[in-house]
Amino acid sequence: MPVKKGKSARVARAIKAKEPELVEGPKRLLLVRGPSTSETAVSAAKDLMLLKKPDAKALTRKNDIRPFEDVSSLEFLCDKNECGAFLYVSHNKKRPNNLVLVSRLARWRRRCR
C-alpha cells in the first residue's frame, strides 16, 4: 500500500494525525447518571468504577442527558474530562436498571477537539 504524502505542511499534519498509534494509553471511564436512577444500577456502576479505579471519574449530579437523542452534551463532558469511554446509568419503567457502556474511538476523539 503506497504511503500518502502531503503537498503542504498542513496536509502532512492532518495525515499524520489520522495514523494509528502504536501504543495507546488506558481509556478513562466517565460515570454519568441519568435523570432518574435506581440504587441497584448505581451500585453496579460503582463496582465497575472500582475495577477501573485510577482511570475512572464519576459525576456527582444527575444529568438530564439522553445519549441516543443528543450526543453533543456527552461529547463535551468526555472531552472536558479526557475520557475515552463513558457509562450511562438510568432507570425507567420500560428499561429498569439500565447501564450503557460506550467506548469512543481515538480518531473520533481527535476530530472533536
PDB file of N, CA and C in Angstrom:
ATOM      1  N   MET A   1       0.839  -1.169   0.000  1.00  0.00           N
ATOM      2  CA  MET A   1       0.000   0.000   0.000  1.00  0.00           C
ATOM      3  C   MET A   1       0.891   1.241   0.000  1.00  0.00           C
ATOM      4  N   PRO A   2       0.690   2.158  -0.928  1.00  0.00           N
ATOM      5  CA  PRO A   2       1.556   3.329  -1.003  1.00  0.00           C
ATOM      6  C   PRO A   2       1.324   4.278   0.173  1.00  0.00           C
ATOM      7  N   VAL A   3       2.404   4.922   0.590  1.00  0.00           N
ATOM      8  CA  VAL A   3       2.335   5.873   1.695  1.00  0.00           C
ATOM      9  C   VAL A   3       1.924   7.230   1.142  1.00  0.00           C
ATOM     10  N   LYS A   4       0.915   7.848   1.753  1.00  0.00           N
ATOM     11  CA  LYS A   4       0.455   9.156   1.309  1.00  0.00           C
ATOM     12  C   LYS A   4       1.370  10.239   1.864  1.00  0.00           C
ATOM     13  N   LYS A   5       1.686  11.192   1.030  1.00  0.00           N
ATOM     14  CA  LYS A   5       2.492  12.329   1.464  1.00  0.00           C
ATOM     15  C   LYS A   5       1.742  13.598   1.122  1.00  0.00           C
ATOM     16  N   GLY A   6       1.773  14.535   2.043  1.00  0.00           N
ATOM     17  CA  GLY A   6       1.093  15.798   1.829  1.00  0.00           C
ATOM     18  C   GLY A   6       1.930  16.761   1.011  1.00  0.00           C
ATOM     19  N   LYS A   7       1.249  17.587   0.223  1.00  0.00           N
ATOM     20  CA  LYS A   7       1.960  18.577  -0.577  1.00  0.00           C
ATOM     21  C   LYS A   7       2.289  19.821   0.243  1.00  0.00           C
ATOM     22  N   SER A   8       1.547  20.027   1.313  1.00  0.00           N
ATOM     23  CA  SER A   8       1.826  21.171   2.180  1.00  0.00           C
ATOM     24  C   SER A   8       1.979  20.665   3.615  1.00  0.00           C
ATOM     25  N   ALA A   9       2.484  21.523   4.468  1.00  0.00           N
ATOM     26  CA  ALA A   9       2.694  21.134   5.862  1.00  0.00           C
ATOM     27  C   ALA A   9       1.369  20.864   6.559  1.00  0.00           C
ATOM     28  N   ARG A  10       0.345  21.605   6.201  1.00  0.00           N
ATOM     29  CA  ARG A  10      -0.965  21.424   6.828  1.00  0.00           C
ATOM     30  C   ARG A  10      -1.542  20.053   6.506  1.00  0.00           C
ATOM     31  N   VAL A  11      -1.457  19.638   5.249  1.00  0.00           N
ATOM     32  CA  VAL A  11      -1.968  18.334   4.835  1.00  0.00           C
ATOM     33  C   VAL A  11      -1.133  17.220   5.469  1.00  0.00           C
ATOM     34  N   ALA A  12       0.183  17.412   5.561  1.00  0.00           N
ATOM     35  CA  ALA A  12       1.053  16.412   6.179  1.00  0.00           C
ATOM     36  C   ALA A  12       0.686  16.213   7.647  1.00  0.00           C
ATOM     37  N   ARG A  13       0.384  17.302   8.365  1.00  0.00           N
ATOM     38  CA  ARG A  13      -0.032  17.185   9.768  1.00  0.00           C
ATOM     39  C   ARG A  13      -1.365  16.462   9.885  1.00  0.00           C
ATOM     40  N   ALA A  14      -2.292  16.743   8.974  1.00  0.00           N
ATOM     41  CA  ALA A  14      -3.599  16.077   9.003  1.00  0.00           C
ATOM     42  C   ALA A  14      -3.459  14.577   8.739  1.00  0.00           C
ATOM     43  N   ILE A  15      -2.591  14.197   7.816  1.00  0.00           N
ATOM     44  CA  ILE A  15      -2.369  12.778   7.521  1.00  0.00           C
ATOM     45  C   ILE A  15      -1.710  12.087   8.702  1.00  0.00           C
ATOM     46  N   LYS A  16      -0.748  12.777   9.332  1.00  0.00           N
ATOM     47  CA  LYS A  16      -0.071  12.182  10.480  1.00  0.00           C
ATOM     48  C   LYS A  16      -1.026  12.014  11.662  1.00  0.00           C
ATOM     49  N   ALA A  17      -1.983  12.918  11.824  1.00  0.00           N
ATOM     50  CA  ALA A  17      -2.947  12.823  12.926  1.00  0.00           C
ATOM     51  C   ALA A  17      -3.886  11.638  12.749  1.00  0.00           C
ATOM     52  N   LYS A  18      -4.122  11.206  11.512  1.00  0.00           N
ATOM     53  CA  LYS A  18      -5.022  10.088  11.253  1.00  0.00           C
ATOM     54  C   LYS A  18      -4.328   8.733  11.330  1.00  0.00           C
ATOM     55  N   GLU A  19      -3.001   8.706  11.446  1.00  0.00           N
ATOM     56  CA  GLU A  19      -2.276   7.450  11.529  1.00  0.00           C
ATOM     57  C   GLU A  19      -2.605   6.737  12.838  1.00  0.00           C
ATOM     58  N   PRO A  20      -2.596   5.404  12.818  1.00  0.00           N
ATOM     59  CA  PRO A  20      -2.847   4.680  14.070  1.00  0.00           C
ATOM     60  C   PRO A  20      -1.671   4.850  15.029  1.00  0.00           C
ATOM     61  N   GLU A  21      -1.972   4.834  16.321  1.00  0.00           N
ATOM     62  CA  GLU A  21      -0.944   4.960  17.340  1.00  0.00           C
ATOM     63  C   GLU A  21      -0.410   3.569  17.682  1.00  0.00           C
ATOM     64  N   LEU A  22       0.887   3.471  17.928  1.00  0.00           N
ATOM     65  CA  LEU A  22       1.480   2.185  18.268  1.00  0.00           C
ATOM     66  C   LEU A  22       1.055   1.739  19.663  1.00  0.00           C
ATOM     67  N   VAL A  23       1.112   2.657  20.603  1.00  0.00           N
ATOM     68  CA  VAL A  23       0.736   2.334  21.976  1.00  0.00           C
ATOM     69  C   VAL A  23      -0.234   3.409  22.460  1.00  0.00           C
ATOM     70  N   GLU A  24      -1.426   2.983  22.808  1.00  0.00           N
ATOM     71  CA  GLU A  24      -2.402   3.919  23.344  1.00  0.00           C
ATOM     72  C   GLU A  24      -2.441   3.778  24.855  1.00  0.00           C
ATOM     73  N   GLY A  25      -2.690   4.865  25.518  1.00  0.00           N
ATOM     74  CA  GLY A  25      -2.810   4.845  26.970  1.00  0.00           C
ATOM     75  C   GLY A  25      -4.123   4.202  27.386  1.00  0.00           C
ATOM     76  N   PRO A  26      -4.304   3.993  28.669  1.00  0.00           N
ATOM     77  CA  PRO A  26      -5.568   3.394  29.136  1.00  0.00           C
ATOM     78  C   PRO A  26      -6.727   4.352  28.927  1.00  0.00           C
ATOM     79  N   LYS A  27      -7.878   3.802  28.600  1.00  0.00           N
ATOM     80  CA  LYS A  27      -9.067   4.637  28.410  1.00  0.00           C
ATOM     81  C   LYS A  27      -9.659   4.973  29.761  1.00  0.00           C
ATOM     82  N   ARG A  28      -9.946   6.234  29.949  1.00  0.00           N
ATOM     83  CA  ARG A  28     -10.597   6.671  31.186  1.00  0.00           C
ATOM     84  C   ARG A  28     -12.100   6.462  31.046  1.00  0.00           C
ATOM     85  N   LEU A  29     -12.753   6.211  32.173  1.00  0.00           N
ATOM     86  CA  LEU A  29     -14.181   5.949  32.201  1.00  0.00           C
ATOM     87  C   LEU A  29     -14.884   7.077  32.940  1.00  0.00           C
ATOM     88  N   LEU A  30     -15.938   7.592  32.330  1.00  0.00           N
ATOM     89  CA  LEU A  30     -16.738   8.659  32.928  1.00  0.00           C
ATOM     90  C   LEU A  30     -18.101   8.089  33.285  1.00  0.00           C
ATOM     91  N   LEU A  31     -18.491   8.211  34.551  1.00  0.00           N
ATOM     92  CA  LEU A  31     -19.799   7.720  35.018  1.00  0.00           C
ATOM     93  C   LEU A  31     -20.778   8.881  34.994  1.00  0.00           C
ATOM     94  N   VAL A  32     -21.839   8.743  34.187  1.00  0.00           N
ATOM     95  CA  VAL A  32     -22.859   9.779  34.049  1.00  0.00           C
ATOM     96  C   VAL A  32     -24.187   9.190  34.502  1.00  0.00           C
ATOM     97  N   ARG A  33     -24.820   9.850  35.455  1.00  0.00           N
ATOM     98  CA  ARG A  33     -26.135   9.410  35.938  1.00  0.00           C
ATOM     99  C   ARG A  33     -27.213  10.143  35.167  1.00  0.00           C
ATOM    100  N   GLY A  34     -28.237   9.408  34.760  1.00  0.00           N
ATOM    101  CA  GLY A  34     -29.349   9.989  34.029  1.00  0.00           C
ATOM    102  C   GLY A  34     -30.302  10.730  34.949  1.00  0.00           C
ATOM    103  N   PRO A  35     -31.439  11.189  34.405  1.00  0.00           N
ATOM    104  CA  PRO A  35     -32.387  11.958  35.210  1.00  0.00           C
ATOM    105  C   PRO A  35     -33.013  11.153  36.345  1.00  0.00           C
ATOM    106  N   SER A  36     -33.198   9.860  36.177  1.00  0.00           N
ATOM    107  CA  SER A  36     -33.696   9.016  37.259  1.00  0.00           C
ATOM    108  C   SER A  36     -32.869   7.735  37.268  1.00  0.00           C
ATOM    109  N   THR A  37     -32.362   7.390  38.436  1.00  0.00           N
ATOM    110  CA  THR A  37     -31.531   6.193  38.573  1.00  0.00           C
ATOM    111  C   THR A  37     -31.993   5.395  39.778  1.00  0.00           C
ATOM    112  N   SER A  38     -31.733   4.104  39.738  1.00  0.00           N
ATOM    113  CA  SER A  38     -32.067   3.242  40.863  1.00  0.00           C
ATOM    114  C   SER A  38     -30.797   2.930  41.655  1.00  0.00           C
ATOM    115  N   GLU A  39     -30.960   2.560  42.910  1.00  0.00           N
ATOM    116  CA  GLU A  39     -29.805   2.233  43.742  1.00  0.00           C
ATOM    117  C   GLU A  39     -29.084   0.992  43.219  1.00  0.00           C
ATOM    118  N   THR A  40     -29.831   0.056  42.645  1.00  0.00           N
ATOM    119  CA  THR A  40     -29.216  -1.154  42.105  1.00  0.00           C
ATOM    120  C   THR A  40     -28.265  -0.820  40.962  1.00  0.00           C
ATOM    121  N   ALA A  41     -28.717   0.023  40.047  1.00  0.00           N
ATOM    122  CA  ALA A  41     -27.886   0.400  38.899  1.00  0.00           C
ATOM    123  C   ALA A  41     -26.696   1.236  39.330  1.00  0.00           C
ATOM    124  N   VAL A  42     -26.892   2.122  40.283  1.00  0.00           N
ATOM    125  CA  VAL A  42     -25.792   2.968  40.751  1.00  0.00           C
ATOM    126  C   VAL A  42     -24.742   2.135  41.467  1.00  0.00           C
ATOM    127  N   SER A  43     -25.177   1.176  42.279  1.00  0.00           N
ATOM    128  CA  SER A  43     -24.194   0.323  42.962  1.00  0.00           C
ATOM    129  C   SER A  43     -23.427  -0.550  41.971  1.00  0.00           C
ATOM    130  N   ALA A  44     -24.083  -1.023  40.921  1.00  0.00           N
ATOM    131  CA  ALA A  44     -23.380  -1.796  39.883  1.00  0.00           C
ATOM    132  C   ALA A  44     -22.367  -0.919  39.157  1.00  0.00           C
ATOM    133  N   ALA A  45     -22.736   0.327  38.893  1.00  0.00           N
ATOM    134  CA  ALA A  45     -21.816   1.251  38.229  1.00  0.00           C
ATOM    135  C   ALA A  45     -20.625   1.570  39.125  1.00  0.00           C
ATOM    136  N   LYS A  46     -20.862   1.702  40.414  1.00  0.00           N
ATOM    137  CA  LYS A  46     -19.756   1.966  41.342  1.00  0.00           C
ATOM    138  C   LYS A  46     -18.817   0.770  41.420  1.00  0.00           C
ATOM    139  N   ASP A  47     -19.349  -0.438  41.330  1.00  0.00           N
ATOM    140  CA  ASP A  47     -18.497  -1.629  41.304  1.00  0.00           C
ATOM    141  C   ASP A  47     -17.616  -1.639  40.056  1.00  0.00           C
ATOM    142  N   LEU A  48     -18.189  -1.252  38.915  1.00  0.00           N
ATOM    143  CA  LEU A  48     -17.387  -1.154  37.692  1.00  0.00           C
ATOM    144  C   LEU A  48     -16.318  -0.075  37.821  1.00  0.00           C
ATOM    145  N   MET A  49     -16.651   1.006  38.501  1.00  0.00           N
ATOM    146  CA  MET A  49     -15.666   2.065  38.702  1.00  0.00           C
ATOM    147  C   MET A  49     -14.523   1.607  39.602  1.00  0.00           C
ATOM    148  N   LEU A  50     -14.828   0.775  40.600  1.00  0.00           N
ATOM    149  CA  LEU A  50     -13.771   0.266  41.467  1.00  0.00           C
ATOM    150  C   LEU A  50     -12.800  -0.625  40.703  1.00  0.00           C
ATOM    151  N   LEU A  51     -13.296  -1.342  39.689  1.00  0.00           N
ATOM    152  CA  LEU A  51     -12.405  -2.164  38.862  1.00  0.00           C
ATOM    153  C   LEU A  51     -11.459  -1.294  38.038  1.00  0.00           C
ATOM    154  N   LYS A  52     -11.907  -0.121  37.670  1.00  0.00           N
ATOM    155  CA  LYS A  52     -11.134   0.778  36.820  1.00  0.00           C
ATOM    156  C   LYS A  52     -10.607   1.961  37.630  1.00  0.00           C
ATOM    157  N   LYS A  53     -10.375   1.771  38.898  1.00  0.00           N
ATOM    158  CA  LYS A  53     -10.179   2.805  39.903  1.00  0.00           C
ATOM    159  C   LYS A  53      -9.317   4.009  39.511  1.00  0.00           C
ATOM    160  N   PRO A  54      -8.058   3.893  39.141  1.00  0.00           N
ATOM    161  CA  PRO A  54      -7.324   5.143  38.897  1.00  0.00           C
ATOM    162  C   PRO A  54      -7.749   5.852  37.612  1.00  0.00           C
ATOM    163  N   ASP A  55      -8.392   5.136  36.697  1.00  0.00           N
ATOM    164  CA  ASP A  55      -8.768   5.721  35.409  1.00  0.00           C
ATOM    165  C   ASP A  55     -10.273   5.909  35.294  1.00  0.00           C
ATOM    166  N   ALA A  56     -10.924   6.304  36.379  1.00  0.00           N
ATOM    167  CA  ALA A  56     -12.375   6.497  36.349  1.00  0.00           C
ATOM    168  C   ALA A  56     -12.737   7.797  37.052  1.00  0.00           C
ATOM    169  N   LYS A  57     -13.807   8.423  36.560  1.00  0.00           N
ATOM    170  CA  LYS A  57     -14.304   9.663  37.161  1.00  0.00           C
ATOM    171  C   LYS A  57     -15.819   9.604  37.168  1.00  0.00           C
ATOM    172  N   ALA A  58     -16.410   9.984  38.293  1.00  0.00           N
ATOM    173  CA  ALA A  58     -17.861   9.968  38.422  1.00  0.00           C
ATOM    174  C   ALA A  58     -18.375  11.395  38.550  1.00  0.00           C
ATOM    175  N   LEU A  59     -19.440  11.687  37.831  1.00  0.00           N
ATOM    176  CA  LEU A  59     -20.114  12.965  38.003  1.00  0.00           C
ATOM    177  C   LEU A  59     -21.133  12.791  39.122  1.00  0.00           C
ATOM    178  N   THR A  60     -21.166  13.717  40.066  1.00  0.00           N
ATOM    179  CA  THR A  60     -21.989  13.539  41.261  1.00  0.00           C
ATOM    180  C   THR A  60     -23.444  13.916  41.037  1.00  0.00           C
ATOM    181  N   ARG A  61     -23.720  14.865  40.165  1.00  0.00           N
ATOM    182  CA  ARG A  61     -25.098  15.300  39.947  1.00  0.00           C
ATOM    183  C   ARG A  61     -25.797  14.425  38.910  1.00  0.00           C
ATOM    184  N   LYS A  62     -27.118  14.410  39.003  1.00  0.00           N
ATOM    185  CA  LYS A  62     -27.900  13.747  37.962  1.00  0.00           C
ATOM    186  C   LYS A  62     -27.997  14.696  36.772  1.00  0.00           C
ATOM    187  N   ASN A  63     -27.826  14.175  35.581  1.00  0.00           N
ATOM    188  CA  ASN A  63     -27.836  14.987  34.369  1.00  0.00           C
ATOM    189  C   ASN A  63     -29.036  14.639  33.508  1.00  0.00           C
ATOM    190  N   ASP A  64     -29.655  15.655  32.937  1.00  0.00           N
ATOM    191  CA  ASP A  64     -30.783  15.423  32.029  1.00  0.00           C
ATOM    192  C   ASP A  64     -30.236  15.199  30.624  1.00  0.00           C
ATOM    193  N   ILE A  65     -29.555  14.069  30.451  1.00  0.00           N
ATOM    194  CA  ILE A  65     -28.895  13.722  29.190  1.00  0.00           C
ATOM    195  C   ILE A  65     -29.531  12.457  28.658  1.00  0.00           C
ATOM    196  N   ARG A  66     -29.826  12.458  27.386  1.00  0.00           N
ATOM    197  CA  ARG A  66     -30.328  11.263  26.712  1.00  0.00           C
ATOM    198  C   ARG A  66     -29.319  10.923  25.603  1.00  0.00           C
ATOM    199  N   PRO A  67     -28.494   9.879  25.792  1.00  0.00           N
ATOM    200  CA  PRO A  67     -27.399   9.623  24.854  1.00  0.00           C
ATOM    201  C   PRO A  67     -27.845   9.208  23.464  1.00  0.00           C
ATOM    202  N   PHE A  68     -29.058   8.678  23.315  1.00  0.00           N
ATOM    203  CA  PHE A  68     -29.494   8.231  21.998  1.00  0.00           C
ATOM    204  C   PHE A  68     -30.266   9.309  21.244  1.00  0.00           C
ATOM    205  N   GLU A  69     -30.525  10.441  21.874  1.00  0.00           N
ATOM    206  CA  GLU A  69     -31.205  11.553  21.209  1.00  0.00           C
ATOM    207  C   GLU A  69     -30.222  12.646  20.820  1.00  0.00           C
ATOM    208  N   ASP A  70     -29.378  13.074  21.767  1.00  0.00           N
ATOM    209  CA  ASP A  70     -28.418  14.146  21.506  1.00  0.00           C
ATOM    210  C   ASP A  70     -27.082  13.771  22.144  1.00  0.00           C
ATOM    211  N   VAL A  71     -26.055  13.639  21.334  1.00  0.00           N
ATOM    212  CA  VAL A  71     -24.761  13.187  21.814  1.00  0.00           C
ATOM    213  C   VAL A  71     -23.830  14.346  22.144  1.00  0.00           C
ATOM    214  N   SER A  72     -24.172  15.555  21.746  1.00  0.00           N
ATOM    215  CA  SER A  72     -23.247  16.680  21.887  1.00  0.00           C
ATOM    216  C   SER A  72     -22.886  16.958  23.345  1.00  0.00           C
ATOM    217  N   SER A  73     -23.827  16.837  24.264  1.00  0.00           N
ATOM    218  CA  SER A  73     -23.512  17.102  25.672  1.00  0.00           C
ATOM    219  C   SER A  73     -22.573  16.032  26.235  1.00  0.00           C
ATOM    220  N   LEU A  74     -22.760  14.789  25.824  1.00  0.00           N
ATOM    221  CA  LEU A  74     -21.847  13.734  26.281  1.00  0.00           C
ATOM    222  C   LEU A  74     -20.464  13.888  25.661  1.00  0.00           C
ATOM    223  N   GLU A  75     -20.403  14.304  24.398  1.00  0.00           N
ATOM    224  CA  GLU A  75     -19.110  14.575  23.772  1.00  0.00           C
ATOM    225  C   GLU A  75     -18.368  15.656  24.541  1.00  0.00           C
ATOM    226  N   PHE A  76     -19.090  16.713  24.921  1.00  0.00           N
ATOM    227  CA  PHE A  76     -18.471  17.805  25.664  1.00  0.00           C
ATOM    228  C   PHE A  76     -17.938  17.311  27.006  1.00  0.00           C
ATOM    229  N   LEU A  77     -18.738  16.533  27.739  1.00  0.00           N
ATOM    230  CA  LEU A  77     -18.304  16.032  29.042  1.00  0.00           C
ATOM    231  C   LEU A  77     -17.105  15.100  28.918  1.00  0.00           C
ATOM    232  N   CYS A  78     -17.102  14.244  27.898  1.00  0.00           N
ATOM    233  CA  CYS A  78     -15.974  13.328  27.705  1.00  0.00           C
ATOM    234  C   CYS A  78     -14.712  14.073  27.308  1.00  0.00           C
ATOM    235  N   ASP A  79     -14.843  15.083  26.457  1.00  0.00           N
ATOM    236  CA  ASP A  79     -13.677  15.870  26.067  1.00  0.00           C
ATOM    237  C   ASP A  79     -13.145  16.684  27.238  1.00  0.00           C
ATOM    238  N   LYS A  80     -14.038  17.246  28.030  1.00  0.00           N
ATOM    239  CA  LYS A  80     -13.639  18.062  29.165  1.00  0.00           C
ATOM    240  C   LYS A  80     -12.889  17.233  30.202  1.00  0.00           C
ATOM    241  N   ASN A  81     -13.338  16.010  30.434  1.00  0.00           N
ATOM    242  CA  ASN A  81     -12.710  15.137  31.425  1.00  0.00           C
ATOM    243  C   ASN A  81     -11.686  14.185  30.821  1.00  0.00           C
ATOM    244  N   GLU A  82     -11.429  14.303  29.525  1.00  0.00           N
ATOM    245  CA  GLU A  82     -10.458  13.481  28.795  1.00  0.00           C
ATOM    246  C   GLU A  82     -10.724  11.991  28.996  1.00  0.00           C
ATOM    247  N   CYS A  83     -11.958  11.587  28.718  1.00  0.00           N
ATOM    248  CA  CYS A  83     -12.354  10.187  28.889  1.00  0.00           C
ATOM    249  C   CYS A  83     -12.622   9.547  27.530  1.00  0.00           C
ATOM    250  N   GLY A  84     -12.162   8.319  27.369  1.00  0.00           N
ATOM    251  CA  GLY A  84     -12.370   7.597  26.126  1.00  0.00           C
ATOM    252  C   GLY A  84     -13.590   6.697  26.158  1.00  0.00           C
ATOM    253  N   ALA A  85     -14.210   6.569  27.317  1.00  0.00           N
ATOM    254  CA  ALA A  85     -15.409   5.739  27.449  1.00  0.00           C
ATOM    255  C   ALA A  85     -16.308   6.360  28.515  1.00  0.00           C
ATOM    256  N   PHE A  86     -17.602   6.104  28.392  1.00  0.00           N
ATOM    257  CA  PHE A  86     -18.495   6.574  29.440  1.00  0.00           C
ATOM    258  C   PHE A  86     -19.536   5.512  29.754  1.00  0.00           C
ATOM    259  N   LEU A  87     -20.017   5.574  30.983  1.00  0.00           N
ATOM    260  CA  LEU A  87     -21.025   4.656  31.479  1.00  0.00           C
ATOM    261  C   LEU A  87     -22.235   5.488  31.867  1.00  0.00           C
ATOM    262  N   TYR A  88     -23.354   5.241  31.193  1.00  0.00           N
ATOM    263  CA  TYR A  88     -24.589   5.993  31.429  1.00  0.00           C
ATOM    264  C   TYR A  88     -25.535   5.111  32.230  1.00  0.00           C
ATOM    265  N   VAL A  89     -26.011   5.634  33.361  1.00  0.00           N
ATOM    266  CA  VAL A  89     -26.886   4.883  34.258  1.00  0.00           C
ATOM    267  C   VAL A  89     -28.262   5.533  34.252  1.00  0.00           C
ATOM    268  N   SER A  90     -29.315   4.736  34.019  1.00  0.00           N
ATOM    269  CA  SER A  90     -30.673   5.274  34.040  1.00  0.00           C
ATOM    270  C   SER A  90     -31.641   4.192  34.515  1.00  0.00           C
ATOM    271  N   HIS A  91     -32.856   4.628  34.784  1.00  0.00           N
ATOM    272  CA  HIS A  91     -33.890   3.705  35.242  1.00  0.00           C
ATOM    273  C   HIS A  91     -35.247   4.261  34.825  1.00  0.00           C
ATOM    274  N   ASN A  92     -36.038   3.441  34.155  1.00  0.00           N
ATOM    275  CA  ASN A  92     -37.429   3.797  33.868  1.00  0.00           C
ATOM    276  C   ASN A  92     -38.263   2.514  33.833  1.00  0.00           C
ATOM    277  N   LYS A  93     -39.538   2.669  33.638  1.00  0.00           N
ATOM    278  CA  LYS A  93     -40.442   1.519  33.710  1.00  0.00           C
ATOM    279  C   LYS A  93     -40.171   0.516  32.587  1.00  0.00           C
ATOM    280  N   LYS A  94     -39.861   1.031  31.403  1.00  0.00           N
ATOM    281  CA  LYS A  94     -39.644   0.158  30.244  1.00  0.00           C
ATOM    282  C   LYS A  94     -38.302  -0.572  30.329  1.00  0.00           C
ATOM    283  N   ARG A  95     -37.265   0.134  30.803  1.00  0.00           N
ATOM    284  CA  ARG A  95     -35.925  -0.453  30.928  1.00  0.00           C
ATOM    285  C   ARG A  95     -35.385  -0.185  32.331  1.00  0.00           C
ATOM    286  N   PRO A  96     -35.734  -1.042  33.292  1.00  0.00           N
ATOM    287  CA  PRO A  96     -35.248  -0.812  34.662  1.00  0.00           C
ATOM    288  C   PRO A  96     -33.764  -1.167  34.791  1.00  0.00           C
ATOM    289  N   ASN A  97     -33.078  -0.437  35.657  1.00  0.00           N
ATOM    290  CA  ASN A  97     -31.665  -0.690  35.975  1.00  0.00           C
ATOM    291  C   ASN A  97     -30.809  -0.745  34.711  1.00  0.00           C
ATOM    292  N   ASN A  98     -30.848   0.303  33.922  1.00  0.00           N
ATOM    293  CA  ASN A  98     -30.190   0.341  32.631  1.00  0.00           C
ATOM    294  C   ASN A  98     -28.770   0.887  32.756  1.00  0.00           C
ATOM    295  N   LEU A  99     -27.792   0.132  32.236  1.00  0.00           N
ATOM    296  CA  LEU A  99     -26.400   0.567  32.159  1.00  0.00           C
ATOM    297  C   LEU A  99     -25.982   0.550  30.695  1.00  0.00           C
ATOM    298  N   VAL A 100     -25.456   1.667  30.207  1.00  0.00           N
ATOM    299  CA  VAL A 100     -24.985   1.755  28.828  1.00  0.00           C
ATOM    300  C   VAL A 100     -23.512   2.103  28.870  1.00  0.00           C
ATOM    301  N   LEU A 101     -22.666   1.202  28.370  1.00  0.00           N
ATOM    302  CA  LEU A 101     -21.224   1.416  28.338  1.00  0.00           C
ATOM    303  C   LEU A 101     -20.817   1.693  26.902  1.00  0.00           C
ATOM    304  N   VAL A 102     -20.230   2.869  26.662  1.00  0.00           N
ATOM    305  CA  VAL A 102     -19.869   3.289  25.313  1.00  0.00           C
ATOM    306  C   VAL A 102     -18.383   3.605  25.282  1.00  0.00           C
ATOM    307  N   SER A 103     -17.699   3.065  24.300  1.00  0.00           N
ATOM    308  CA  SER A 103     -16.288   3.351  24.095  1.00  0.00           C
ATOM    309  C   SER A 103     -16.145   4.281  22.898  1.00  0.00           C
ATOM    310  N   ARG A 104     -15.387   5.337  23.071  1.00  0.00           N
ATOM    311  CA  ARG A 104     -15.172   6.292  21.986  1.00  0.00           C
ATOM    312  C   ARG A 104     -13.884   5.947  21.260  1.00  0.00           C
ATOM    313  N   LEU A 105     -13.867   6.116  19.965  1.00  0.00           N
ATOM    314  CA  LEU A 105     -12.685   5.819  19.172  1.00  0.00           C
ATOM    315  C   LEU A 105     -11.689   6.954  19.261  1.00  0.00           C
ATOM    316  N   ALA A 106     -10.398   6.630  19.141  1.00  0.00           N
ATOM    317  CA  ALA A 106      -9.348   7.646  19.248  1.00  0.00           C
ATOM    318  C   ALA A 106      -9.463   8.676  18.126  1.00  0.00           C
ATOM    319  N   ARG A 107      -9.798   8.220  16.918  1.00  0.00           N
ATOM    320  CA  ARG A 107      -9.918   9.142  15.789  1.00  0.00           C
ATOM    321  C   ARG A 107     -11.077  10.107  16.016  1.00  0.00           C
ATOM    322  N   TRP A 108     -12.184   9.585  16.565  1.00  0.00           N
ATOM    323  CA  TRP A 108     -13.353  10.427  16.845  1.00  0.00           C
ATOM    324  C   TRP A 108     -13.000  11.438  17.929  1.00  0.00           C
ATOM    325  N   ARG A 109     -12.207  11.041  18.915  1.00  0.00           N
ATOM    326  CA  ARG A 109     -11.795  11.929  19.984  1.00  0.00           C
ATOM    327  C   ARG A 109     -10.945  13.067  19.423  1.00  0.00           C
ATOM    328  N   ARG A 110     -10.034  12.740  18.507  1.00  0.00           N
ATOM    329  CA  ARG A 110      -9.178  13.771  17.909  1.00  0.00           C
ATOM    330  C   ARG A 110      -9.977  14.737  17.070  1.00  0.00           C
ATOM    331  N   ARG A 111     -10.992  14.216  16.349  1.00  0.00           N
ATOM    332  CA  ARG A 111     -11.781  15.067  15.477  1.00  0.00           C
ATOM    333  C   ARG A 111     -12.622  16.058  16.283  1.00  0.00           C
ATOM    334  N   CYS A 112     -13.044  15.659  17.466  1.00  0.00           N
ATOM    335  CA  CYS A 112     -13.893  16.527  18.282  1.00  0.00           C
ATOM    336  C   CYS A 112     -13.110  17.653  18.925  1.00  0.00           C
ATOM    337  N   ARG A 113     -11.821  17.529  19.083  1.00  0.00           N
ATOM    338  CA  ARG A 113     -11.044  18.579  19.750  1.00  0.00           C
ATOM    339  C   ARG A 113     -10.819  19.761  18.892  1.00  0.00           C
TER     340      ARG A 113
END
